[in-house]
């Protein structure tokens, strides 16, 4: 089937533990969903990104729950070129173990080549953010806008190289 919009492949896990309605923390257990090898794979257009969020629970084509996974707040977090890097989800940093251990996060098993942003924190801690979630959050206010951003041919152009975007200082 020919698509008119760029698409992305989603991996969907069936929730098997219905207790998530009373206690969303059960979703952190891999036993609460089908194994990653049995995930359903579906192609969706980038225009649907405003509707989709990692961790959302859908039933019969309708959003049923958006569990609150925010377990920690980061104050005075510095995010710049010195604290961030682009990585793949299956990175084994310096052969010291995987950044997303399968025992703790088995749902990405089929997606270990997906891109993420890694933010270095104090005390040798890190935040790993899937790039698709950044795209959804920052550019997903409009399905039409996201589609235009990712419509082929994709070219790398410096925004500030365009005279229309030069800042003038007085």
Protein backbone atom coordinates (compact mmCIF):
# COMPACT_ATOMS: atom_id res chain seq x y z
CA UNK A 1 0.00 0.00 0.00
CA UNK A 2 1.43 3.38 -0.97
CA UNK A 3 1.51 5.89 1.85
CA UNK A 4 1.08 9.62 1.41
CA UNK A 5 2.81 10.43 4.72
CA UNK A 6 6.09 9.23 6.22
CA UNK A 7 5.44 6.29 8.56
CA UNK A 8 7.01 4.69 11.59
CA UNK A 9 6.87 1.15 12.86
CA UNK A 10 5.33 0.76 16.32
CA UNK A 11 5.74 -2.29 18.53
CA UNK A 12 2.66 -2.89 20.64
CA UNK A 13 2.56 -5.08 23.74
CA UNK A 14 -0.67 -6.58 25.02
CA UNK A 15 -1.35 -5.78 28.68
CA UNK A 16 -2.02 -9.06 30.47
CA UNK A 17 -2.32 -7.78 34.05
CA UNK A 18 -5.61 -5.94 34.49
CA UNK A 19 -4.50 -4.64 37.92
CA UNK A 20 -2.84 -1.68 36.13
CA UNK A 21 -6.08 0.29 36.54
CA UNK A 22 -5.64 0.36 40.32
CA UNK A 23 -1.85 0.23 40.39
CA UNK A 24 -0.06 1.50 37.24
CA UNK A 25 3.29 0.39 38.71
CA UNK A 26 2.48 -3.22 37.74
CA UNK A 27 3.21 -2.14 34.14
CA UNK A 28 6.90 -1.90 35.06
CA UNK A 29 6.96 -5.66 35.41
CA UNK A 30 7.63 -7.53 32.17
CA UNK A 31 5.14 -10.18 33.32
CA UNK A 32 2.35 -7.62 32.95
CA UNK A 33 2.60 -7.65 29.14
CA UNK A 34 3.24 -10.11 26.34
CA UNK A 35 6.94 -10.76 25.69
CA UNK A 36 8.72 -8.45 23.23
CA UNK A 37 9.09 -11.28 20.72
CA UNK A 38 5.29 -11.48 20.53
CA UNK A 39 4.67 -7.77 20.10
CA UNK A 40 2.34 -6.69 17.34
CA UNK A 41 4.01 -4.45 14.76
CA UNK A 42 2.00 -1.77 13.00
CA UNK A 43 2.93 1.05 10.63
CA UNK A 44 1.39 4.42 11.47
CA UNK A 45 1.78 7.77 9.77
CA UNK A 46 3.80 10.43 11.54
CA UNK A 47 0.62 12.52 11.50
CA UNK A 48 -0.74 10.30 14.29
CA UNK A 49 2.13 11.17 16.66
CA UNK A 50 0.10 13.81 18.53
CA UNK A 51 -2.23 10.98 19.60
CA UNK A 52 0.41 8.42 20.60
CA UNK A 53 2.69 8.33 23.61
CA UNK A 54 5.03 5.60 24.76
CA UNK A 55 3.24 3.75 27.54
CA UNK A 56 -0.31 4.65 26.47
CA UNK A 57 -2.87 1.88 26.87
CA UNK A 58 -5.42 1.46 24.10
CA UNK A 59 -8.47 -0.82 24.01
CA UNK A 60 -10.70 -1.37 20.98
CA UNK A 61 -9.18 1.61 19.15
CA UNK A 62 -9.72 4.04 22.03
CA UNK A 63 -7.24 5.49 24.51
CA UNK A 64 -7.96 3.87 27.87
CA UNK A 65 -5.14 5.12 30.07
CA UNK A 66 -2.03 7.27 30.09
CA UNK A 67 -0.18 6.04 33.16
CA UNK A 68 1.83 8.66 35.02
CA UNK A 69 5.37 7.40 34.72
CA UNK A 70 7.04 10.55 36.02
CA UNK A 71 8.83 9.17 39.03
CA UNK A 72 11.52 11.80 39.38
CA UNK A 73 11.84 15.54 38.87
CA UNK A 74 15.14 17.04 37.78
CA UNK A 75 15.91 20.55 39.00
CA UNK A 76 18.60 22.73 37.45
CA UNK A 77 19.22 20.16 34.75
CA UNK A 78 21.70 21.40 32.17
CA UNK A 79 21.03 20.11 28.68
CA UNK A 80 23.51 21.16 26.00
CA UNK A 81 26.08 19.67 23.64
CA UNK A 82 28.36 18.74 26.54
CA UNK A 83 25.71 16.73 28.42
CA UNK A 84 23.85 15.00 25.58
CA UNK A 85 24.62 12.43 22.93
CA UNK A 86 22.67 10.51 20.30
CA UNK A 87 22.72 6.77 20.99
CA UNK A 88 20.94 3.60 19.96
CA UNK A 89 18.63 1.92 22.46
CA UNK A 90 20.80 -1.22 22.58
CA UNK A 91 24.06 0.55 23.47
CA UNK A 92 26.49 -1.32 25.70
CA UNK A 93 28.51 1.63 26.99
CA UNK A 94 32.22 0.77 27.31
CA UNK A 95 31.28 -2.91 27.62
CA UNK A 96 29.97 -2.20 31.14
CA UNK A 97 26.44 -3.35 30.44
CA UNK A 98 23.49 -2.15 28.44
CA UNK A 99 22.06 1.27 29.19
CA UNK A 100 18.56 -0.20 28.97
CA UNK A 101 18.99 -3.62 30.59
CA UNK A 102 16.58 -6.18 29.13
CA UNK A 103 15.79 -7.50 32.61
CA UNK A 104 14.48 -4.06 33.59
CA UNK A 105 13.11 -2.91 30.24
CA UNK A 106 12.43 -5.88 27.93
CA UNK A 107 9.96 -4.07 25.66
CA UNK A 108 12.67 -2.59 23.43
CA UNK A 109 14.18 -5.98 22.52
CA UNK A 110 13.02 -5.69 18.90
CA UNK A 111 14.01 -2.01 18.71
CA UNK A 112 17.62 -1.93 19.91
CA UNK A 113 18.65 0.11 16.86
CA UNK A 114 16.15 2.89 17.61
CA UNK A 115 17.69 6.28 18.33
CA UNK A 116 17.58 7.89 21.75
CA UNK A 117 19.06 10.97 23.36
CA UNK A 118 21.20 10.30 26.42
CA UNK A 119 21.49 13.11 28.97
CA UNK A 120 24.39 12.82 31.43
CA UNK A 121 23.43 13.64 35.03
CA UNK A 122 25.56 14.12 38.12
CA UNK A 123 26.69 11.01 40.02
CA UNK A 124 27.14 8.93 36.82
CA UNK A 125 23.39 8.81 36.20
CA UNK A 126 21.66 9.23 32.84
CA UNK A 127 18.29 9.91 31.28
CA UNK A 128 17.53 7.97 28.09
CA UNK A 129 14.78 9.51 25.92
CA UNK A 130 13.54 7.83 22.72
CA UNK A 131 13.87 10.31 19.84
CA UNK A 132 10.38 9.51 18.64
CA UNK A 133 9.06 10.75 21.99
CA UNK A 134 11.01 14.01 21.61
CA UNK A 135 9.59 14.47 18.11
CA UNK A 136 6.08 13.77 19.38
CA UNK A 137 6.43 16.15 22.32
CA UNK A 138 8.15 19.07 20.61
CA UNK A 139 6.77 18.89 17.06
CA UNK A 140 3.61 16.83 17.47
CA UNK A 141 1.20 19.70 18.11
CA UNK A 142 0.08 19.25 14.51
CA UNK A 143 0.02 16.07 12.48
CA UNK A 144 0.34 18.19 9.35
CA UNK A 145 3.45 19.94 10.72
CA UNK A 146 5.14 16.64 11.65
CA UNK A 147 4.33 15.26 8.20
CA UNK A 148 5.93 18.26 6.50
CA UNK A 149 9.03 17.97 8.70
CA UNK A 150 9.59 14.34 7.78
CA UNK A 151 8.35 14.20 4.20
CA UNK A 152 11.08 12.97 1.84
CA UNK A 153 13.47 14.05 0.53
CA UNK A 154 14.97 14.77 3.94
CA UNK A 155 17.83 17.21 3.69
CA UNK A 156 20.12 18.59 6.33
CA UNK A 157 20.06 22.37 6.06
CA UNK A 158 21.42 24.85 8.53
CA UNK A 159 18.50 26.95 9.70
CA UNK A 160 20.77 29.84 10.55
CA UNK A 161 22.44 29.72 7.13
CA UNK A 162 19.21 31.09 5.69
CA UNK A 163 19.30 34.93 5.61
CA UNK A 164 15.61 35.03 6.64
CA UNK A 165 16.57 33.61 10.04
CA UNK A 166 19.54 35.84 10.91
CA UNK A 167 19.21 37.74 14.16
CA UNK A 168 20.04 41.38 14.14
CA UNK A 169 21.55 42.92 17.22
CA UNK A 170 21.40 46.60 18.10
